[in-house]
PDB file of N, CA and C in Angstrom:
ATOM      1  N   MET A   1       8.666  -2.907   4.543  1.00  0.00           N
ATOM      2  CA  MET A   1       7.862  -2.594   3.207  1.00  0.00           C
ATOM      3  C   MET A   1       9.312  -0.811   2.923  1.00  0.00           C
ATOM      4  N   LEU A   2       9.082  -0.353   3.945  1.00  0.00           N
ATOM      5  CA  LEU A   2       9.601   0.889   4.194  1.00  0.00           C
ATOM      6  C   LEU A   2      11.633   0.895   3.812  1.00  0.00           C
ATOM      7  N   LYS A   3      12.148  -0.450   4.620  1.00  0.00           N
ATOM      8  CA  LYS A   3      13.378  -1.093   3.602  1.00  0.00           C
ATOM      9  C   LYS A   3      13.927  -0.953   2.776  1.00  0.00           C
ATOM     10  N   GLN A   4      13.006  -1.362   1.974  1.00  0.00           N
ATOM     11  CA  GLN A   4      13.085  -1.402   0.243  1.00  0.00           C
ATOM     12  C   GLN A   4      13.773  -0.292  -0.919  1.00  0.00           C
ATOM     13  N   PHE A   5      13.539   0.942   0.152  1.00  0.00           N
ATOM     14  CA  PHE A   5      14.427   2.460   0.206  1.00  0.00           C
ATOM     15  C   PHE A   5      14.958   2.368   0.439  1.00  0.00           C
ATOM     16  N   SER A   6      16.687   2.900  -0.457  1.00  0.00           N
ATOM     17  CA  SER A   6      17.772   2.911  -0.090  1.00  0.00           C
ATOM     18  C   SER A   6      17.919   4.417  -0.299  1.00  0.00           C
ATOM     19  N   LEU A   7      19.327   5.150   0.672  1.00  0.00           N
ATOM     20  CA  LEU A   7      19.493   6.291   1.004  1.00  0.00           C
ATOM     21  C   LEU A   7      18.988   7.236  -0.007  1.00  0.00           C
ATOM     22  N   SER A   8      20.114   5.920  -1.389  1.00  0.00           N
ATOM     23  CA  SER A   8      20.415   7.079  -3.008  1.00  0.00           C
ATOM     24  C   SER A   8      19.118   7.363  -3.427  1.00  0.00           C
ATOM     25  N   ASP A   9      17.614   6.238  -3.147  1.00  0.00           N
ATOM     26  CA  ASP A   9      16.563   6.341  -3.989  1.00  0.00           C
ATOM     27  C   ASP A   9      16.233   7.533  -4.281  1.00  0.00           C
ATOM     28  N   LEU A  10      15.875   8.200  -5.433  1.00  0.00           N
ATOM     29  CA  LEU A  10      14.382   9.114  -6.106  1.00  0.00           C
ATOM     30  C   LEU A  10      13.235   9.787  -5.171  1.00  0.00           C
ATOM     31  N   SER A  11      13.205   8.415  -4.790  1.00  0.00           N
ATOM     32  CA  SER A  11      12.204   8.704  -3.830  1.00  0.00           C
ATOM     33  C   SER A  11      11.169   8.529  -2.822  1.00  0.00           C
ATOM     34  N   GLN A  12      12.695   9.057  -2.049  1.00  0.00           N
ATOM     35  CA  GLN A  12      12.835   9.617  -0.914  1.00  0.00           C
ATOM     36  C   GLN A  12      11.996  10.925  -0.975  1.00  0.00           C
ATOM     37  N   THR A  13      12.213  11.095  -2.210  1.00  0.00           N
ATOM     38  CA  THR A  13      11.446  13.330  -1.910  1.00  0.00           C
ATOM     39  C   THR A  13      10.100  13.205  -2.151  1.00  0.00           C
ATOM     40  N   LEU A  14       9.442  11.039  -2.268  1.00  0.00           N
ATOM     41  CA  LEU A  14       8.029  11.230  -2.208  1.00  0.00           C
ATOM     42  C   LEU A  14       7.812  10.463  -1.072  1.00  0.00           C
ATOM     43  N   LEU A  15       8.747  10.393   0.237  1.00  0.00           N
ATOM     44  CA  LEU A  15       8.185   9.651   1.334  1.00  0.00           C
ATOM     45  C   LEU A  15       7.321  10.620   2.342  1.00  0.00           C
ATOM     46  N   LEU A  16       8.102  11.365   2.342  1.00  0.00           N
ATOM     47  CA  LEU A  16       7.806  12.696   4.079  1.00  0.00           C
ATOM     48  C   LEU A  16       5.743  11.918   4.062  1.00  0.00           C
ATOM     49  N   ALA A  17       5.475  12.443   3.524  1.00  0.00           N
ATOM     50  CA  ALA A  17       3.954  12.140   3.411  1.00  0.00           C
ATOM     51  C   ALA A  17       2.716  11.421   4.276  1.00  0.00           C
ATOM     52  N   PRO A  18       3.677  10.427   3.245  1.00  0.00           N
ATOM     53  CA  PRO A  18       2.794   8.851   3.377  1.00  0.00           C
ATOM     54  C   PRO A  18       3.867   7.993   5.141  1.00  0.00           C
ATOM     55  N   VAL A  19       4.888   8.330   5.156  1.00  0.00           N
ATOM     56  CA  VAL A  19       5.744   7.917   6.609  1.00  0.00           C
ATOM     57  C   VAL A  19       5.016   8.062   7.394  1.00  0.00           C
ATOM     58  N   PHE A  20       5.183   9.085   7.305  1.00  0.00           N
ATOM     59  CA  PHE A  20       3.693  10.381   8.714  1.00  0.00           C
ATOM     60  C   PHE A  20       2.577   9.644   8.269  1.00  0.00           C
ATOM     61  N   MET A  21       2.329   9.728   7.124  1.00  0.00           N
ATOM     62  CA  MET A  21       0.143   9.241   8.056  1.00  0.00           C
ATOM     63  C   MET A  21       0.375   7.827   8.378  1.00  0.00           C
ATOM     64  N   LEU A  22       1.418   6.833   8.045  1.00  0.00           N
ATOM     65  CA  LEU A  22       2.047   5.612   8.713  1.00  0.00           C
ATOM     66  C   LEU A  22       2.070   5.455  10.471  1.00  0.00           C
ATOM     67  N   GLY A  23       3.174   6.914  10.897  1.00  0.00           N
ATOM     68  CA  GLY A  23       3.364   7.404  11.842  1.00  0.00           C
ATOM     69  C   GLY A  23       1.654   7.051  13.035  1.00  0.00           C
ATOM     70  N   CYS A  24       0.990   8.249  11.901  1.00  0.00           N
ATOM     71  CA  CYS A  24       0.076   9.024  12.710  1.00  0.00           C
ATOM     72  C   CYS A  24      -1.083   7.268  13.384  1.00  0.00           C
ATOM     73  N   THR A  25      -0.539   6.386  12.945  1.00  0.00           N
ATOM     74  CA  THR A  25      -1.125   5.012  12.751  1.00  0.00           C
ATOM     75  C   THR A  25      -0.707   3.976  13.436  1.00  0.00           C
ATOM     76  N   ALA A  26      -0.167   4.258  14.046  1.00  0.00           N
ATOM     77  CA  ALA A  26       1.285   3.112  14.853  1.00  0.00           C
ATOM     78  C   ALA A  26       1.058   3.134  16.771  1.00  0.00           C
ATOM     79  N   PHE A  27      -0.164   2.861  16.698  1.00  0.00           N
ATOM     80  CA  PHE A  27      -0.075   2.658  17.326  1.00  0.00           C
ATOM     81  C   PHE A  27       0.998   1.819  18.869  1.00  0.00           C
ATOM     82  N   GLU A  28       1.331   0.838  18.410  1.00  0.00           N
ATOM     83  CA  GLU A  28       2.771  -0.727  18.477  1.00  0.00           C
ATOM     84  C   GLU A  28       3.836   0.255  18.489  1.00  0.00           C
ATOM     85  N   VAL A  29       4.490   0.886  19.964  1.00  0.00           N
ATOM     86  CA  VAL A  29       5.443   1.058  20.355  1.00  0.00           C
ATOM     87  C   VAL A  29       6.661   0.061  19.055  1.00  0.00           C
ATOM     88  N   ARG A  30       6.493  -0.519  18.849  1.00  0.00           N
ATOM     89  CA  ARG A  30       8.144  -1.566  17.538  1.00  0.00           C
ATOM     90  C   ARG A  30       7.658  -0.878  16.686  1.00  0.00           C
ATOM     91  N   ARG A  31       5.878  -0.538  16.253  1.00  0.00           N
ATOM     92  CA  ARG A  31       6.529   0.352  14.726  1.00  0.00           C
ATOM     93  C   ARG A  31       7.022   1.451  14.482  1.00  0.00           C
ATOM     94  N   ARG A  32       7.236   2.205  14.822  1.00  0.00           N
ATOM     95  CA  ARG A  32       7.614   2.785  15.447  1.00  0.00           C
ATOM     96  C   ARG A  32       8.949   3.386  14.775  1.00  0.00           C
ATOM     97  N   GLN A  33       9.519   2.791  15.677  1.00  0.00           N
ATOM     98  CA  GLN A  33      11.105   2.661  15.229  1.00  0.00           C
ATOM     99  C   GLN A  33      11.141   2.199  13.389  1.00  0.00           C
ATOM    100  N   PRO A  34      10.620   2.111  12.649  1.00  0.00           N
ATOM    101  CA  PRO A  34      11.042   1.755  11.353  1.00  0.00           C
ATOM    102  C   PRO A  34      10.660   3.366  10.376  1.00  0.00           C
ATOM    103  N   ILE A  35       9.398   3.633  11.371  1.00  0.00           N
ATOM    104  CA  ILE A  35       9.179   5.091  10.710  1.00  0.00           C
ATOM    105  C   ILE A  35      10.212   5.743  11.716  1.00  0.00           C
ATOM    106  N   LYS A  36      10.211   6.161  12.899  1.00  0.00           N
ATOM    107  CA  LYS A  36      11.989   7.116  12.442  1.00  0.00           C
ATOM    108  C   LYS A  36      13.146   6.682  11.601  1.00  0.00           C
ATOM    109  N   GLU A  37      13.439   5.748  11.327  1.00  0.00           N
ATOM    110  CA  GLU A  37      14.352   5.582  10.309  1.00  0.00           C
ATOM    111  C   GLU A  37      14.365   5.891   9.385  1.00  0.00           C
ATOM    112  N   ALA A  38      12.583   5.775   8.492  1.00  0.00           N
ATOM    113  CA  ALA A  38      12.433   6.444   7.490  1.00  0.00           C
ATOM    114  C   ALA A  38      12.441   7.579   6.909  1.00  0.00           C
ATOM    115  N   ILE A  39      11.740   8.817   7.458  1.00  0.00           N
ATOM    116  CA  ILE A  39      11.912   9.520   8.289  1.00  0.00           C
ATOM    117  C   ILE A  39      13.486  10.245   8.482  1.00  0.00           C
ATOM    118  N   THR A  40      14.220   9.831   8.527  1.00  0.00           N
ATOM    119  CA  THR A  40      15.444  10.071   9.240  1.00  0.00           C
ATOM    120  C   THR A  40      16.401  10.278   7.624  1.00  0.00           C
ATOM    121  N   MET A  41      15.295   8.819   7.100  1.00  0.00           N
ATOM    122  CA  MET A  41      16.377   8.831   5.584  1.00  0.00           C
ATOM    123  C   MET A  41      15.851   9.915   4.696  1.00  0.00           C
ATOM    124  N   VAL A  42      14.612  10.502   4.609  1.00  0.00           N
ATOM    125  CA  VAL A  42      14.145  11.519   3.918  1.00  0.00           C
ATOM    126  C   VAL A  42      15.070  13.792   4.284  1.00  0.00           C
ATOM    127  N   LYS A  43      15.607  13.064   5.193  1.00  0.00           N
ATOM    128  CA  LYS A  43      15.863  13.710   5.474  1.00  0.00           C
ATOM    129  C   LYS A  43      16.659  14.010   5.072  1.00  0.00           C
ATOM    130  N   ALA A  44      17.601  12.783   6.002  1.00  0.00           N
ATOM    131  CA  ALA A  44      19.164  12.744   5.309  1.00  0.00           C
ATOM    132  C   ALA A  44      19.291  12.770   2.936  1.00  0.00           C
ATOM    133  N   TYR A  45      18.614  12.602   2.933  1.00  0.00           N
ATOM    134  CA  TYR A  45      18.079  12.948   0.536  1.00  0.00           C
ATOM    135  C   TYR A  45      18.051  13.952   0.494  1.00  0.00           C
ATOM    136  N   THR A  46      16.345  14.314   1.155  1.00  0.00           N
ATOM    137  CA  THR A  46      16.499  15.534   0.466  1.00  0.00           C
ATOM    138  C   THR A  46      16.068  16.654   1.795  1.00  0.00           C
ATOM    139  N   GLN A  47      16.486  16.878   2.960  1.00  0.00           N
ATOM    140  CA  GLN A  47      17.355  18.519   3.606  1.00  0.00           C
ATOM    141  C   GLN A  47      16.192  18.926   4.462  1.00  0.00           C
ATOM    142  N   LEU A  48      15.492  17.768   3.972  1.00  0.00           N
ATOM    143  CA  LEU A  48      13.715  19.230   4.775  1.00  0.00           C
ATOM    144  C   LEU A  48      13.970  19.272   5.787  1.00  0.00           C
ATOM    145  N   ARG A  49      13.660  20.565   6.179  1.00  0.00           N
ATOM    146  CA  ARG A  49      13.172  20.609   7.654  1.00  0.00           C
ATOM    147  C   ARG A  49      11.851  20.491   7.183  1.00  0.00           C
ATOM    148  N   ASN A  50      10.735  20.278   7.700  1.00  0.00           N
ATOM    149  CA  ASN A  50       9.619  19.211   7.644  1.00  0.00           C
ATOM    150  C   ASN A  50      10.693  18.173   8.221  1.00  0.00           C
ATOM    151  N   ALA A  51      10.507  17.100   7.946  1.00  0.00           N
ATOM    152  CA  ALA A  51      11.033  15.748   7.793  1.00  0.00           C
ATOM    153  C   ALA A  51      11.730  16.194   9.680  1.00  0.00           C
ATOM    154  N   LYS A  52      12.210  17.534  10.039  1.00  0.00           N
ATOM    155  CA  LYS A  52      12.826  16.680  11.490  1.00  0.00           C
ATOM    156  C   LYS A  52      10.894  17.075  12.225  1.00  0.00           C
ATOM    157  N   ASN A  53      10.560  18.199  11.604  1.00  0.00           N
ATOM    158  CA  ASN A  53       8.994  18.740  12.585  1.00  0.00           C
ATOM    159  C   ASN A  53       7.865  17.531  12.319  1.00  0.00           C
ATOM    160  N   ALA A  54       8.232  16.753  10.903  1.00  0.00           N
ATOM    161  CA  ALA A  54       6.946  15.531  10.811  1.00  0.00           C
ATOM    162  C   ALA A  54       7.537  14.439  12.313  1.00  0.00           C
ATOM    163  N   LEU A  55       8.272  14.783  12.231  1.00  0.00           N
ATOM    164  CA  LEU A  55       9.243  13.401  13.476  1.00  0.00           C
ATOM    165  C   LEU A  55       9.379  13.825  15.119  1.00  0.00           C
ATOM    166  N   GLU A  56       8.677  15.073  15.660  1.00  0.00           N
ATOM    167  CA  GLU A  56       8.260  15.798  16.707  1.00  0.00           C
ATOM    168  C   GLU A  56       7.393  15.710  16.591  1.00  0.00           C
ATOM    169  N   VAL A  57       6.432  16.136  15.490  1.00  0.00           N
ATOM    170  CA  VAL A  57       4.705  16.204  15.553  1.00  0.00           C
ATOM    171  C   VAL A  57       4.487  14.434  16.108  1.00  0.00           C
ATOM    172  N   LEU A  58       5.092  13.972  15.277  1.00  0.00           N
ATOM    173  CA  LEU A  58       4.846  12.092  15.762  1.00  0.00           C
ATOM    174  C   LEU A  58       4.721  12.035  17.174  1.00  0.00           C
ATOM    175  N   GLU A  59       6.387  12.066  17.638  1.00  0.00           N
ATOM    176  CA  GLU A  59       6.006  12.349  18.839  1.00  0.00           C
ATOM    177  C   GLU A  59       4.633  12.184  20.153  1.00  0.00           C
ATOM    178  N   GLU A  60       4.478  13.050  19.691  1.00  0.00           N
ATOM    179  CA  GLU A  60       3.824  13.485  20.006  1.00  0.00           C
ATOM    180  C   GLU A  60       2.394  13.427  19.960  1.00  0.00           C
ATOM    181  N   VAL A  61       2.324  12.928  19.156  1.00  0.00           N
ATOM    182  CA  VAL A  61       1.374  12.299  18.744  1.00  0.00           C
ATOM    183  C   VAL A  61       0.951  11.064  19.555  1.00  0.00           C
ATOM    184  N   TRP A  62       2.125  10.310  19.092  1.00  0.00           N
ATOM    185  CA  TRP A  62       2.004   8.529  19.935  1.00  0.00           C
ATOM    186  C   TRP A  62       2.103   9.101  20.785  1.00  0.00           C
ATOM    187  N   SER A  63       2.735  10.271  22.248  1.00  0.00           N
ATOM    188  CA  SER A  63       2.850   9.627  23.197  1.00  0.00           C
ATOM    189  C   SER A  63       0.680   9.814  24.454  1.00  0.00           C
ATOM    190  N   TYR A  64       0.650  11.255  23.373  1.00  0.00           N
ATOM    191  CA  TYR A  64      -1.096  10.495  23.421  1.00  0.00           C
ATOM    192  C   TYR A  64      -1.711   9.734  23.242  1.00  0.00           C
ATOM    193  N   MET A  65      -1.305   8.753  22.506  1.00  0.00           N
ATOM    194  CA  MET A  65      -1.465   7.381  22.037  1.00  0.00           C
ATOM    195  C   MET A  65      -1.126   6.556  23.359  1.00  0.00           C
ATOM    196  N   ASP A  66       0.290   6.152  24.026  1.00  0.00           N
ATOM    197  CA  ASP A  66       0.505   6.185  24.750  1.00  0.00           C
ATOM    198  C   ASP A  66      -0.467   5.863  26.541  1.00  0.00           C
ATOM    199  N   ALA A  67      -0.700   7.514  25.906  1.00  0.00           N
ATOM    200  CA  ALA A  67      -1.508   7.786  27.135  1.00  0.00           C
ATOM    201  C   ALA A  67      -3.409   7.564  27.107  1.00  0.00           C
ATOM    202  N   GLY A  68      -3.232   6.548  25.355  1.00  0.00           N
ATOM    203  CA  GLY A  68      -4.806   6.575  25.661  1.00  0.00           C
ATOM    204  C   GLY A  68      -5.931   7.435  24.879  1.00  0.00           C
ATOM    205  N   SER A  69      -5.108   8.899  24.758  1.00  0.00           N
ATOM    206  CA  SER A  69      -6.046  10.286  24.979  1.00  0.00           C
ATOM    207  C   SER A  69      -6.247  10.101  23.062  1.00  0.00           C
ATOM    208  N   GLU A  70      -7.406  10.403  22.417  1.00  0.00           N
ATOM    209  CA  GLU A  70      -8.564  10.889  22.219  1.00  0.00           C
ATOM    210  C   GLU A  70      -7.377  11.448  21.137  1.00  0.00           C
ATOM    211  N   LYS A  71      -7.005  11.885  21.661  1.00  0.00           N
ATOM    212  CA  LYS A  71      -6.328  14.034  21.643  1.00  0.00           C
ATOM    213  C   LYS A  71      -5.718  12.931  19.916  1.00  0.00           C
ATOM    214  N   SER A  72      -4.779  11.482  20.043  1.00  0.00           N
ATOM    215  CA  SER A  72      -4.668  10.924  19.215  1.00  0.00           C
ATOM    216  C   SER A  72      -4.055  11.131  17.852  1.00  0.00           C
ATOM    217  N   TRP A  73      -5.332  10.852  18.205  1.00  0.00           N
ATOM    218  CA  TRP A  73      -5.980  11.085  16.218  1.00  0.00           C
ATOM    219  C   TRP A  73      -6.037  12.645  15.982  1.00  0.00           C
ATOM    220  N   ASP A  74      -5.608  14.362  16.806  1.00  0.00           N
ATOM    221  CA  ASP A  74      -5.704  15.966  16.018  1.00  0.00           C
ATOM    222  C   ASP A  74      -4.525  15.491  16.003  1.00  0.00           C
ATOM    223  N   ARG A  75      -3.444  15.141  14.854  1.00  0.00           N
ATOM    224  CA  ARG A  75      -2.681  15.789  14.573  1.00  0.00           C
ATOM    225  C   ARG A  75      -1.267  16.923  14.245  1.00  0.00           C
ATOM    226  N   GLN A  76      -2.772  17.761  13.370  1.00  0.00           N
ATOM    227  CA  GLN A  76      -2.825  18.889  13.577  1.00  0.00           C
ATOM    228  C   GLN A  76      -3.077  19.524  14.625  1.00  0.00           C
ATOM    229  N   GLY A  77      -3.718  19.670  15.654  1.00  0.00           N
ATOM    230  CA  GLY A  77      -4.442  19.696  16.209  1.00  0.00           C
ATOM    231  C   GLY A  77      -3.110  19.512  17.607  1.00  0.00           C
ATOM    232  N   ILE A  78      -2.756  19.017  17.298  1.00  0.00           N
ATOM    233  CA  ILE A  78      -1.412  18.660  18.434  1.00  0.00           C
ATOM    234  C   ILE A  78      -0.005  19.372  17.875  1.00  0.00           C
ATOM    235  N   ALA A  79       0.251  19.644  16.417  1.00  0.00           N
ATOM    236  CA  ALA A  79       1.157  20.408  15.778  1.00  0.00           C
ATOM    237  C   ALA A  79       1.173  21.519  16.057  1.00  0.00           C
ATOM    238  N   SER A  80      -0.489  21.634  16.185  1.00  0.00           N
ATOM    239  CA  SER A  80      -0.727  24.120  16.525  1.00  0.00           C
ATOM    240  C   SER A  80      -0.209  24.234  17.807  1.00  0.00           C
ATOM    241  N   ASP A  81      -0.972  22.492  18.913  1.00  0.00           N
ATOM    242  CA  ASP A  81      -0.138  23.144  20.152  1.00  0.00           C
ATOM    243  C   ASP A  81       1.216  23.450  20.849  1.00  0.00           C
ATOM    244  N   ILE A  82       2.448  22.826  19.766  1.00  0.00           N
ATOM    245  CA  ILE A  82       3.431  22.927  19.642  1.00  0.00           C
ATOM    246  C   ILE A  82       4.291  23.915  18.992  1.00  0.00           C
ATOM    247  N   GLY A  83       2.933  24.487  18.592  1.00  0.00           N
ATOM    248  CA  GLY A  83       4.235  26.010  18.179  1.00  0.00           C
ATOM    249  C   GLY A  83       3.820  25.511  16.279  1.00  0.00           C
ATOM    250  N   MET A  84       3.616  24.616  15.913  1.00  0.00           N
ATOM    251  CA  MET A  84       4.515  23.562  14.448  1.00  0.00           C
ATOM    252  C   MET A  84       2.998  24.246  13.622  1.00  0.00           C
ATOM    253  N   GLY A  85       3.049  24.424  12.450  1.00  0.00           N
ATOM    254  CA  GLY A  85       2.181  24.704  11.286  1.00  0.00           C
ATOM    255  C   GLY A  85       2.568  24.397   9.892  1.00  0.00           C
ATOM    256  N   PHE A  86       2.752  23.365   9.982  1.00  0.00           N
ATOM    257  CA  PHE A  86       3.519  22.591   8.687  1.00  0.00           C
ATOM    258  C   PHE A  86       2.935  21.409   7.330  1.00  0.00           C
ATOM    259  N   LEU A  87       3.088  21.099   6.997  1.00  0.00           N
ATOM    260  CA  LEU A  87       2.965  20.373   6.137  1.00  0.00           C
ATOM    261  C   LEU A  87       3.655  19.192   5.881  1.00  0.00           C
ATOM    262  N   ALA A  88       3.517  17.868   5.692  1.00  0.00           N
ATOM    263  CA  ALA A  88       4.276  16.188   5.880  1.00  0.00           C
ATOM    264  C   ALA A  88       5.261  16.558   3.823  1.00  0.00           C
ATOM    265  N   THR A  89       6.003  17.423   3.841  1.00  0.00           N
ATOM    266  CA  THR A  89       5.675  16.892   2.200  1.00  0.00           C
ATOM    267  C   THR A  89       6.449  17.720   1.800  1.00  0.00           C
TER     268      THR A  89
END
């Protein structure tokens, strides 16, 4: 579904939060690349710095997922642990 939004689609301005939340549920590694690509497109269209921050937090969330840690569900705590306080919007 994410591939339906082109780089020039005005919807890019609305996608960061839902894509971030999808990323927080991407336990399967194969599901993560489309999330990365969607966030990259949001960043390219909007120039929002939060897009880069969202991807950094997701990378940490995914590392906890891969390790089987329950902490993977605490995205706000993970963001805080790496020194980020941001809204994925």
